[in-house]
N, C-alpha and C. Protein backbone atom coordinates (compact mmCIF):
# COMPACT_ATOMS: atom_id res chain seq x y z
N MET A 1 92.46 52.94 42.65
CA MET A 1 92.04 54.11 43.41
C MET A 1 91.46 55.14 42.45
N ALA A 2 90.34 55.73 42.80
CA ALA A 2 89.67 56.72 41.95
C ALA A 2 90.47 58.01 41.93
N VAL A 3 90.49 58.64 40.76
CA VAL A 3 91.16 59.92 40.63
C VAL A 3 90.32 60.98 41.35
N LYS A 4 90.99 61.89 42.06
CA LYS A 4 90.28 62.95 42.77
C LYS A 4 89.71 63.93 41.76
N LYS A 5 88.49 64.40 42.03
CA LYS A 5 87.84 65.32 41.10
C LYS A 5 88.67 66.58 40.88
N SER A 6 89.27 67.10 41.93
CA SER A 6 90.05 68.33 41.78
C SER A 6 91.23 68.12 40.83
N LYS A 7 91.87 66.96 40.92
CA LYS A 7 92.99 66.66 40.02
C LYS A 7 92.47 66.45 38.59
N LEU A 8 91.35 65.75 38.45
CA LEU A 8 90.76 65.55 37.13
C LEU A 8 90.44 66.90 36.49
N TYR A 9 89.83 67.81 37.25
CA TYR A 9 89.46 69.11 36.70
C TYR A 9 90.68 69.91 36.29
N SER A 10 91.73 69.84 37.09
CA SER A 10 92.93 70.58 36.74
C SER A 10 93.58 70.02 35.47
N LEU A 11 93.55 68.70 35.30
CA LEU A 11 94.10 68.10 34.07
C LEU A 11 93.23 68.42 32.85
N LEU A 12 91.91 68.46 33.04
CA LEU A 12 91.02 68.81 31.94
C LEU A 12 91.28 70.24 31.47
N TRP A 13 91.50 71.12 32.44
CA TRP A 13 91.77 72.51 32.04
C TRP A 13 93.14 72.63 31.39
N GLU A 14 94.10 71.84 31.85
CA GLU A 14 95.42 71.82 31.21
C GLU A 14 95.29 71.37 29.76
N ALA A 15 94.47 70.36 29.52
CA ALA A 15 94.24 69.88 28.15
C ALA A 15 93.57 70.98 27.32
N SER A 16 92.61 71.67 27.91
CA SER A 16 91.92 72.75 27.20
C SER A 16 92.90 73.85 26.80
N ASN A 17 93.86 74.13 27.66
CA ASN A 17 94.85 75.16 27.35
C ASN A 17 95.68 74.81 26.12
N LYS A 18 95.84 73.54 25.83
CA LYS A 18 96.59 73.11 24.65
C LYS A 18 95.85 73.49 23.36
N LEU A 19 94.55 73.75 23.46
CA LEU A 19 93.72 74.04 22.29
C LEU A 19 93.57 75.53 22.02
N ARG A 20 94.08 76.36 22.89
CA ARG A 20 93.92 77.80 22.72
C ARG A 20 94.55 78.26 21.40
N GLY A 21 93.88 79.23 20.78
CA GLY A 21 94.47 79.81 19.58
C GLY A 21 93.66 79.56 18.32
N GLY A 22 93.09 78.40 18.16
CA GLY A 22 92.34 78.13 16.94
C GLY A 22 90.98 77.54 17.22
N VAL A 23 90.87 76.86 18.35
CA VAL A 23 89.63 76.19 18.71
C VAL A 23 88.78 77.15 19.54
N GLU A 24 87.50 77.26 19.17
CA GLU A 24 86.57 78.07 19.96
C GLU A 24 86.48 77.46 21.36
N PRO A 25 86.49 78.26 22.41
CA PRO A 25 86.42 77.72 23.77
C PRO A 25 85.24 76.76 23.99
N SER A 26 84.13 77.01 23.34
CA SER A 26 82.97 76.12 23.51
C SER A 26 83.22 74.73 22.92
N ARG A 27 84.27 74.60 22.10
CA ARG A 27 84.60 73.30 21.49
C ARG A 27 85.69 72.56 22.26
N TYR A 28 86.33 73.18 23.23
CA TYR A 28 87.37 72.50 24.01
C TYR A 28 86.86 71.16 24.53
N LYS A 29 85.64 71.21 25.09
CA LYS A 29 85.10 69.99 25.71
C LYS A 29 84.97 68.86 24.71
N ASP A 30 84.68 69.16 23.45
CA ASP A 30 84.53 68.11 22.45
C ASP A 30 85.83 67.32 22.28
N TYR A 31 86.93 68.02 22.11
CA TYR A 31 88.23 67.35 21.96
C TYR A 31 88.63 66.63 23.25
N VAL A 32 88.50 67.34 24.36
CA VAL A 32 88.97 66.81 25.64
C VAL A 32 88.14 65.61 26.10
N LEU A 33 86.82 65.68 25.96
CA LEU A 33 85.98 64.57 26.41
C LEU A 33 86.17 63.32 25.55
N ILE A 34 86.42 63.48 24.26
CA ILE A 34 86.70 62.31 23.42
C ILE A 34 87.96 61.61 23.91
N LEU A 35 89.01 62.38 24.16
CA LEU A 35 90.25 61.76 24.64
C LEU A 35 90.07 61.15 26.03
N LEU A 36 89.34 61.83 26.90
CA LEU A 36 89.10 61.29 28.24
C LEU A 36 88.32 59.98 28.15
N PHE A 37 87.27 59.96 27.34
CA PHE A 37 86.47 58.74 27.16
C PHE A 37 87.34 57.61 26.60
N PHE A 38 88.13 57.91 25.59
CA PHE A 38 88.97 56.89 24.96
C PHE A 38 90.02 56.37 25.95
N LYS A 39 90.62 57.25 26.72
CA LYS A 39 91.59 56.84 27.74
C LYS A 39 90.93 55.96 28.80
N TYR A 40 89.76 56.39 29.27
CA TYR A 40 89.04 55.66 30.30
C TYR A 40 88.69 54.25 29.83
N VAL A 41 88.12 54.15 28.65
CA VAL A 41 87.70 52.85 28.10
C VAL A 41 88.93 51.97 27.82
N SER A 42 89.97 52.56 27.26
CA SER A 42 91.19 51.78 26.99
C SER A 42 91.78 51.21 28.27
N ASP A 43 91.88 52.06 29.29
CA ASP A 43 92.45 51.60 30.56
C ASP A 43 91.61 50.50 31.19
N LYS A 44 90.30 50.69 31.22
CA LYS A 44 89.42 49.74 31.91
C LYS A 44 89.21 48.42 31.17
N TYR A 45 89.21 48.46 29.84
CA TYR A 45 88.76 47.27 29.10
C TYR A 45 89.80 46.64 28.18
N LYS A 46 90.95 47.28 27.99
CA LYS A 46 91.96 46.69 27.12
C LYS A 46 92.43 45.36 27.70
N GLY A 47 92.41 44.32 26.86
CA GLY A 47 92.87 43.01 27.27
C GLY A 47 91.84 42.16 27.99
N GLN A 48 90.64 42.69 28.22
CA GLN A 48 89.58 41.92 28.86
C GLN A 48 88.77 41.20 27.80
N LYS A 49 88.50 39.94 28.06
CA LYS A 49 87.80 39.12 27.09
C LYS A 49 86.33 39.48 26.93
N TYR A 50 85.61 39.58 28.01
CA TYR A 50 84.16 39.82 27.96
C TYR A 50 83.84 41.19 28.54
N ALA A 51 84.39 42.21 27.94
CA ALA A 51 84.23 43.57 28.44
C ALA A 51 83.07 44.28 27.75
N GLU A 52 82.63 45.36 28.35
CA GLU A 52 81.55 46.16 27.77
C GLU A 52 81.97 46.81 26.45
N PHE A 53 83.26 47.10 26.33
CA PHE A 53 83.80 47.70 25.11
C PHE A 53 84.94 46.85 24.58
N LYS A 54 85.04 46.77 23.26
CA LYS A 54 86.16 46.08 22.62
C LYS A 54 87.27 47.09 22.38
N VAL A 55 88.43 46.81 22.95
CA VAL A 55 89.60 47.63 22.69
C VAL A 55 90.58 46.73 21.95
N THR A 56 90.56 46.84 20.63
CA THR A 56 91.30 45.92 19.78
C THR A 56 92.75 46.36 19.60
N GLN A 57 93.55 45.45 19.09
CA GLN A 57 94.95 45.71 18.77
C GLN A 57 95.02 46.90 17.81
N GLY A 58 95.81 47.89 18.12
CA GLY A 58 95.97 49.05 17.25
C GLY A 58 94.92 50.13 17.47
N ALA A 59 94.02 49.94 18.41
CA ALA A 59 92.96 50.93 18.66
C ALA A 59 92.78 51.17 20.15
N SER A 60 93.88 51.51 20.83
CA SER A 60 93.82 51.82 22.25
C SER A 60 94.56 53.13 22.51
N PHE A 61 94.44 53.63 23.73
CA PHE A 61 95.12 54.88 24.07
C PHE A 61 96.64 54.71 23.97
N ASP A 62 97.14 53.52 24.23
CA ASP A 62 98.58 53.28 24.10
C ASP A 62 99.06 53.55 22.68
N ASP A 63 98.18 53.29 21.70
CA ASP A 63 98.54 53.56 20.31
C ASP A 63 98.61 55.07 20.03
N LEU A 64 97.81 55.85 20.75
CA LEU A 64 97.91 57.30 20.62
C LEU A 64 99.22 57.81 21.21
N ILE A 65 99.62 57.23 22.33
CA ILE A 65 100.87 57.62 22.97
C ILE A 65 102.04 57.40 22.03
N ALA A 66 102.00 56.30 21.30
CA ALA A 66 103.09 55.99 20.36
C ALA A 66 103.17 56.99 19.21
N LEU A 67 102.12 57.76 18.97
CA LEU A 67 102.10 58.72 17.86
C LEU A 67 102.66 60.09 18.23
N LYS A 68 102.89 60.36 19.50
CA LYS A 68 103.34 61.69 19.92
C LYS A 68 104.55 62.13 19.10
N GLY A 69 104.45 63.35 18.56
CA GLY A 69 105.57 63.93 17.83
C GLY A 69 105.69 63.48 16.39
N THR A 70 104.86 62.56 15.94
CA THR A 70 104.96 62.09 14.55
C THR A 70 104.26 63.06 13.60
N LYS A 71 104.72 63.11 12.38
CA LYS A 71 104.25 64.06 11.37
C LYS A 71 102.75 63.92 11.08
N ASN A 72 102.23 62.72 11.06
CA ASN A 72 100.83 62.47 10.71
C ASN A 72 99.95 62.18 11.93
N ILE A 73 100.31 62.71 13.08
CA ILE A 73 99.60 62.37 14.31
C ILE A 73 98.10 62.67 14.22
N GLY A 74 97.72 63.80 13.66
CA GLY A 74 96.30 64.15 13.60
C GLY A 74 95.50 63.14 12.81
N GLU A 75 95.97 62.81 11.65
CA GLU A 75 95.30 61.83 10.79
C GLU A 75 95.26 60.45 11.46
N ASP A 76 96.37 60.06 12.07
CA ASP A 76 96.45 58.74 12.70
C ASP A 76 95.58 58.63 13.95
N VAL A 77 95.48 59.71 14.72
CA VAL A 77 94.59 59.72 15.89
C VAL A 77 93.15 59.53 15.43
N ASP A 78 92.77 60.25 14.37
CA ASP A 78 91.42 60.10 13.83
C ASP A 78 91.15 58.64 13.42
N LYS A 79 92.12 58.01 12.77
CA LYS A 79 91.95 56.62 12.31
C LYS A 79 91.78 55.66 13.50
N ILE A 80 92.60 55.84 14.53
CA ILE A 80 92.54 54.96 15.70
C ILE A 80 91.19 55.11 16.41
N ILE A 81 90.77 56.33 16.62
CA ILE A 81 89.48 56.55 17.30
C ILE A 81 88.34 56.02 16.44
N GLN A 82 88.41 56.22 15.13
CA GLN A 82 87.37 55.70 14.24
C GLN A 82 87.33 54.18 14.28
N SER A 83 88.48 53.55 14.32
CA SER A 83 88.56 52.10 14.40
C SER A 83 87.90 51.59 15.68
N PHE A 84 88.16 52.27 16.80
CA PHE A 84 87.54 51.91 18.08
C PHE A 84 86.01 52.06 17.99
N LEU A 85 85.56 53.18 17.44
CA LEU A 85 84.12 53.43 17.33
C LEU A 85 83.43 52.37 16.47
N GLU A 86 84.05 52.01 15.36
CA GLU A 86 83.48 50.99 14.47
C GLU A 86 83.43 49.63 15.16
N ALA A 87 84.48 49.27 15.88
CA ALA A 87 84.52 47.97 16.57
C ALA A 87 83.43 47.86 17.63
N ASN A 88 82.97 49.01 18.12
CA ASN A 88 81.96 49.01 19.19
C ASN A 88 80.59 49.52 18.74
N GLY A 89 80.44 49.75 17.44
CA GLY A 89 79.16 50.24 16.91
C GLY A 89 78.77 51.60 17.46
N LEU A 90 79.75 52.47 17.65
CA LEU A 90 79.51 53.78 18.26
C LEU A 90 79.64 54.95 17.28
N GLN A 91 79.67 54.67 15.98
CA GLN A 91 79.82 55.76 15.01
C GLN A 91 78.71 56.78 15.20
N GLY A 92 79.10 58.05 15.21
CA GLY A 92 78.13 59.14 15.36
C GLY A 92 77.69 59.42 16.78
N SER A 93 78.21 58.70 17.75
CA SER A 93 77.76 58.91 19.13
C SER A 93 78.65 59.87 19.92
N LEU A 94 79.80 60.23 19.37
CA LEU A 94 80.69 61.19 20.03
C LEU A 94 80.69 62.49 19.24
N PRO A 95 81.10 63.59 19.86
CA PRO A 95 81.15 64.86 19.13
C PRO A 95 81.97 64.73 17.85
N ASP A 96 81.58 65.47 16.84
CA ASP A 96 82.24 65.41 15.55
C ASP A 96 83.45 66.32 15.54
N VAL A 97 84.60 65.76 15.87
CA VAL A 97 85.86 66.52 15.82
C VAL A 97 86.89 65.72 15.05
N SER A 98 87.84 66.46 14.49
CA SER A 98 88.95 65.82 13.81
C SER A 98 90.24 66.35 14.41
N PHE A 99 91.11 65.45 14.77
CA PHE A 99 92.41 65.85 15.31
C PHE A 99 93.37 66.21 14.19
N ASN A 100 92.84 66.28 12.97
CA ASN A 100 93.62 66.67 11.79
C ASN A 100 92.96 67.88 11.12
N ASN A 101 92.30 68.72 11.92
CA ASN A 101 91.56 69.87 11.43
C ASN A 101 92.48 71.10 11.39
N PRO A 102 92.94 71.50 10.19
CA PRO A 102 93.87 72.63 10.12
C PRO A 102 93.26 73.96 10.55
N GLU A 103 91.93 74.13 10.39
CA GLU A 103 91.30 75.39 10.79
C GLU A 103 91.30 75.57 12.31
N GLU A 104 91.20 74.48 13.05
CA GLU A 104 91.17 74.60 14.50
C GLU A 104 92.52 74.30 15.15
N LEU A 105 93.25 73.36 14.60
CA LEU A 105 94.49 72.92 15.25
C LEU A 105 95.76 73.39 14.54
N GLY A 106 95.61 74.05 13.39
CA GLY A 106 96.77 74.52 12.65
C GLY A 106 97.30 73.45 11.70
N THR A 107 98.49 73.68 11.22
CA THR A 107 99.13 72.74 10.30
C THR A 107 100.56 72.48 10.74
N GLY A 108 101.16 71.46 10.16
CA GLY A 108 102.57 71.16 10.41
C GLY A 108 102.90 70.99 11.88
N LYS A 109 103.97 71.68 12.29
CA LYS A 109 104.46 71.56 13.66
C LYS A 109 103.42 72.01 14.69
N GLU A 110 102.64 73.03 14.36
CA GLU A 110 101.63 73.52 15.30
C GLU A 110 100.61 72.42 15.62
N LEU A 111 100.12 71.73 14.60
CA LEU A 111 99.16 70.64 14.80
C LEU A 111 99.81 69.50 15.58
N VAL A 112 101.02 69.13 15.19
CA VAL A 112 101.73 68.04 15.88
C VAL A 112 101.90 68.38 17.36
N ASP A 113 102.29 69.62 17.65
CA ASP A 113 102.50 70.02 19.05
C ASP A 113 101.21 70.02 19.85
N LYS A 114 100.12 70.52 19.24
CA LYS A 114 98.84 70.58 19.97
C LYS A 114 98.31 69.18 20.26
N VAL A 115 98.29 68.32 19.25
CA VAL A 115 97.73 66.98 19.46
C VAL A 115 98.64 66.17 20.38
N SER A 116 99.95 66.28 20.20
CA SER A 116 100.89 65.57 21.09
C SER A 116 100.72 66.06 22.52
N GLY A 117 100.53 67.37 22.70
CA GLY A 117 100.33 67.93 24.04
C GLY A 117 99.06 67.41 24.69
N LEU A 118 98.00 67.28 23.90
CA LEU A 118 96.75 66.72 24.43
C LEU A 118 96.94 65.29 24.90
N VAL A 119 97.57 64.49 24.07
CA VAL A 119 97.81 63.08 24.42
C VAL A 119 98.67 63.01 25.67
N ARG A 120 99.68 63.87 25.76
CA ARG A 120 100.59 63.88 26.91
C ARG A 120 99.84 64.16 28.21
N VAL A 121 98.86 65.07 28.17
CA VAL A 121 98.08 65.39 29.38
C VAL A 121 97.39 64.14 29.90
N PHE A 122 96.78 63.36 28.98
CA PHE A 122 96.03 62.17 29.39
C PHE A 122 96.94 60.98 29.70
N GLU A 123 98.20 61.12 29.41
CA GLU A 123 99.18 60.09 29.74
C GLU A 123 99.60 60.19 31.21
N ASN A 124 99.21 61.26 31.86
CA ASN A 124 99.55 61.51 33.26
C ASN A 124 99.17 60.30 34.12
N PRO A 125 100.09 59.82 34.97
CA PRO A 125 99.79 58.66 35.84
C PRO A 125 98.59 58.86 36.76
N MET A 126 98.23 60.12 37.05
CA MET A 126 97.05 60.38 37.88
C MET A 126 95.76 59.93 37.18
N LEU A 127 95.81 59.82 35.85
CA LEU A 127 94.64 59.40 35.08
C LEU A 127 94.77 57.94 34.67
N ASP A 128 95.15 57.11 35.60
CA ASP A 128 95.24 55.68 35.34
C ASP A 128 93.95 55.03 35.83
N PHE A 129 93.11 54.62 34.88
CA PHE A 129 91.80 54.07 35.22
C PHE A 129 91.79 52.54 35.26
N LYS A 130 92.94 51.91 35.14
CA LYS A 130 93.00 50.43 35.11
C LYS A 130 92.38 49.81 36.36
N ASN A 131 92.68 50.37 37.50
CA ASN A 131 92.20 49.80 38.76
C ASN A 131 91.05 50.61 39.35
N ASN A 132 90.49 51.49 38.57
CA ASN A 132 89.41 52.33 39.06
C ASN A 132 88.09 51.59 38.91
N ARG A 133 87.67 50.91 39.93
CA ARG A 133 86.45 50.10 39.89
C ARG A 133 85.40 50.64 40.86
N ALA A 134 85.52 51.91 41.20
CA ALA A 134 84.59 52.49 42.18
C ALA A 134 83.17 52.46 41.66
N SER A 135 82.28 51.95 42.46
CA SER A 135 80.86 51.89 42.10
C SER A 135 80.29 53.30 42.04
N GLY A 136 79.52 53.56 41.03
CA GLY A 136 78.89 54.86 40.90
C GLY A 136 79.81 55.94 40.37
N ASP A 137 81.01 55.56 39.96
CA ASP A 137 81.95 56.51 39.40
C ASP A 137 81.45 56.98 38.04
N ASP A 138 81.37 58.27 37.84
CA ASP A 138 80.94 58.81 36.56
C ASP A 138 81.95 59.85 36.11
N ILE A 139 83.11 59.38 35.71
CA ILE A 139 84.22 60.25 35.32
C ILE A 139 83.80 61.17 34.17
N ILE A 140 83.19 60.60 33.13
CA ILE A 140 82.81 61.38 31.96
C ILE A 140 81.73 62.40 32.32
N GLY A 141 80.76 61.99 33.11
CA GLY A 141 79.70 62.91 33.55
C GLY A 141 80.27 64.05 34.38
N ASP A 142 81.19 63.72 35.28
CA ASP A 142 81.82 64.75 36.10
C ASP A 142 82.59 65.73 35.22
N ALA A 143 83.29 65.20 34.22
CA ALA A 143 84.07 66.05 33.32
C ALA A 143 83.16 66.98 32.52
N TYR A 144 82.06 66.44 32.03
CA TYR A 144 81.12 67.26 31.26
C TYR A 144 80.53 68.36 32.14
N GLU A 145 80.13 68.00 33.35
CA GLU A 145 79.60 69.00 34.28
C GLU A 145 80.63 70.08 34.56
N TYR A 146 81.89 69.68 34.70
CA TYR A 146 82.95 70.64 34.96
C TYR A 146 83.03 71.66 33.83
N PHE A 147 83.00 71.18 32.58
CA PHE A 147 83.08 72.09 31.45
C PHE A 147 81.87 73.02 31.40
N MET A 148 80.69 72.49 31.65
CA MET A 148 79.49 73.34 31.65
C MET A 148 79.61 74.42 32.72
N MET A 149 80.04 74.04 33.91
CA MET A 149 80.19 75.00 35.00
C MET A 149 81.26 76.04 34.66
N LYS A 150 82.39 75.57 34.15
CA LYS A 150 83.51 76.46 33.85
C LYS A 150 83.12 77.52 32.82
N PHE A 151 82.46 77.09 31.75
CA PHE A 151 82.09 78.05 30.72
C PHE A 151 80.94 78.94 31.16
N ALA A 152 80.08 78.46 32.01
CA ALA A 152 79.01 79.30 32.57
C ALA A 152 79.63 80.40 33.43
N GLN A 153 80.63 80.05 34.23
CA GLN A 153 81.30 81.03 35.08
C GLN A 153 82.05 82.06 34.25
N GLU A 154 82.78 81.57 33.22
CA GLU A 154 83.61 82.47 32.43
C GLU A 154 82.80 83.39 31.55
N SER A 155 81.67 82.92 31.06
CA SER A 155 80.87 83.78 30.18
C SER A 155 80.15 84.84 31.00
N GLY A 156 79.75 84.48 32.21
CA GLY A 156 79.04 85.41 33.07
C GLY A 156 77.68 85.81 32.51
N LYS A 157 77.22 85.09 31.49
CA LYS A 157 75.97 85.47 30.85
C LYS A 157 74.99 84.33 30.86
N SER A 158 74.30 84.18 29.73
CA SER A 158 73.15 83.28 29.63
C SER A 158 73.48 81.81 29.83
N LYS A 159 74.70 81.39 29.58
CA LYS A 159 74.99 79.96 29.72
C LYS A 159 74.77 79.48 31.15
N GLY A 160 74.95 80.36 32.12
CA GLY A 160 74.79 79.99 33.51
C GLY A 160 73.38 79.55 33.86
N GLN A 161 72.40 80.04 33.13
CA GLN A 161 71.03 79.67 33.46
C GLN A 161 70.71 78.24 33.10
N PHE A 162 71.55 77.58 32.30
CA PHE A 162 71.30 76.20 31.90
C PHE A 162 72.06 75.19 32.75
N TYR A 163 72.95 75.66 33.58
CA TYR A 163 73.78 74.75 34.37
C TYR A 163 73.15 74.54 35.74
N THR A 164 72.86 73.30 36.07
CA THR A 164 72.37 72.95 37.40
C THR A 164 73.45 72.13 38.10
N PRO A 165 73.99 72.58 39.21
CA PRO A 165 75.03 71.81 39.91
C PRO A 165 74.54 70.40 40.23
N SER A 166 75.45 69.44 40.18
CA SER A 166 75.10 68.03 40.38
C SER A 166 74.45 67.79 41.75
N GLU A 167 74.87 68.54 42.77
CA GLU A 167 74.30 68.36 44.10
C GLU A 167 72.80 68.69 44.10
N VAL A 168 72.43 69.75 43.38
CA VAL A 168 71.02 70.13 43.29
C VAL A 168 70.25 69.07 42.51
N SER A 169 70.85 68.56 41.43
CA SER A 169 70.20 67.51 40.63
C SER A 169 69.93 66.27 41.46
N ARG A 170 70.89 65.88 42.31
CA ARG A 170 70.72 64.69 43.15
C ARG A 170 69.60 64.89 44.17
N VAL A 171 69.54 66.07 44.78
CA VAL A 171 68.48 66.35 45.75
C VAL A 171 67.12 66.31 45.07
N LEU A 172 67.01 66.92 43.90
CA LEU A 172 65.74 66.91 43.17
C LEU A 172 65.34 65.49 42.78
N ALA A 173 66.31 64.69 42.34
CA ALA A 173 66.04 63.29 41.98
C ALA A 173 65.53 62.52 43.19
N SER A 174 66.11 62.77 44.35
CA SER A 174 65.66 62.10 45.58
C SER A 174 64.24 62.52 45.94
N LEU A 175 63.96 63.79 45.77
CA LEU A 175 62.63 64.30 46.12
C LEU A 175 61.53 63.69 45.26
N VAL A 176 61.82 63.43 43.99
CA VAL A 176 60.79 62.84 43.12
C VAL A 176 60.85 61.33 43.09
N GLY A 177 61.77 60.73 43.84
CA GLY A 177 61.82 59.28 43.98
C GLY A 177 62.66 58.55 42.97
N ILE A 178 63.48 59.26 42.21
CA ILE A 178 64.31 58.58 41.21
C ILE A 178 65.33 57.67 41.86
N ASN A 179 65.77 57.99 43.07
CA ASN A 179 66.74 57.13 43.75
C ASN A 179 66.11 55.81 44.20
N LYS A 180 64.81 55.67 44.07
CA LYS A 180 64.12 54.43 44.45
C LYS A 180 63.94 53.49 43.26
N ILE A 181 64.38 53.92 42.07
CA ILE A 181 64.22 53.08 40.88
C ILE A 181 65.32 52.03 40.88
N LYS A 182 64.95 50.79 40.66
CA LYS A 182 65.92 49.68 40.64
C LYS A 182 65.82 48.95 39.32
N TYR A 183 66.94 48.43 38.90
CA TYR A 183 67.01 47.67 37.66
C TYR A 183 66.85 46.19 37.99
N SER A 184 65.86 45.56 37.40
CA SER A 184 65.62 44.15 37.71
C SER A 184 66.32 43.26 36.69
N LYS A 185 66.45 41.98 37.00
CA LYS A 185 67.17 41.04 36.15
C LYS A 185 66.52 40.85 34.78
N ASN A 186 65.22 41.07 34.68
CA ASN A 186 64.58 40.93 33.38
C ASN A 186 64.71 42.20 32.54
N LYS A 187 65.69 43.03 32.89
CA LYS A 187 66.05 44.24 32.16
C LYS A 187 64.92 45.25 32.05
N SER A 188 64.23 45.44 33.13
CA SER A 188 63.21 46.48 33.16
C SER A 188 63.40 47.31 34.42
N TRP A 189 62.94 48.54 34.36
CA TRP A 189 63.05 49.45 35.50
C TRP A 189 61.75 49.41 36.30
N THR A 190 61.89 49.33 37.60
CA THR A 190 60.70 49.34 38.46
C THR A 190 60.91 50.31 39.60
N LEU A 191 59.84 50.86 40.08
CA LEU A 191 59.90 51.80 41.18
C LEU A 191 59.54 51.06 42.46
N HIS A 192 60.45 51.09 43.44
CA HIS A 192 60.25 50.37 44.69
C HIS A 192 60.02 51.33 45.84
N GLU A 193 59.03 51.08 46.61
CA GLU A 193 58.76 51.79 47.86
C GLU A 193 58.80 53.32 47.73
N MET A 194 58.18 53.82 46.71
CA MET A 194 58.17 55.27 46.55
C MET A 194 57.05 55.86 47.39
N THR A 195 57.43 56.78 48.28
CA THR A 195 56.43 57.49 49.07
C THR A 195 56.72 58.98 48.96
N ILE A 196 55.70 59.72 48.74
CA ILE A 196 55.89 61.17 48.62
C ILE A 196 55.06 61.85 49.70
C-alpha cells in the first residue's frame, strides 16, 4: 500500500526538525532526501536478483538501523551509503553531505543523537516501501516538491517565484502534449496522436 502524501510530508518535516541547530534550513532536504532515497531503494530492491538497484550485504537501510546510538554512526552511515553508490555506479549523483560533519551535525553525543534520530524517523512502519508497487509513484519527486514548497512558504520571498505546484506542471504538460509521449520497445521516445 502506498504511503499517504500527508503522512510522508509530516515524517519529512519531523526528520528536518532533527537537523535544527547546525544545519542551514536550505540543506535539510539534502540530508533527508538521501535517507529517503536509500530507504526506498533498500525496501524495494533488497534481496531481489534482477533489480534496478543492487542492495548488497552490509549496504542497506537495515544496516543503518543497526548503527543507531553507536559512537561512530556518522562515519559508518557515510561508508554504507558510499558502498551502495559505488555498487550502483551512482557516485556524485546525490547531494554532497556527510553524516559525520561536525560543523553541521555537532560532535560526540550531539552527532550520535541527530543521526540516530534521523534514522529512527525513516524506520517508521508508515514508510515501508517493500510492497509499494503503485504505478506512477514518485515518492522522491513528491518529497523534493514538498521541500521546495515548504521553504518557499517559510521564506515568503524570492524562492516562491521558482516553485510551480505539481498540479500546474501536469496541466501544462498535458497542454503541450507531453502526456502523449510513449516509450517504445526499441528504447526511443515517440509522440503519438498529438493534436493541438
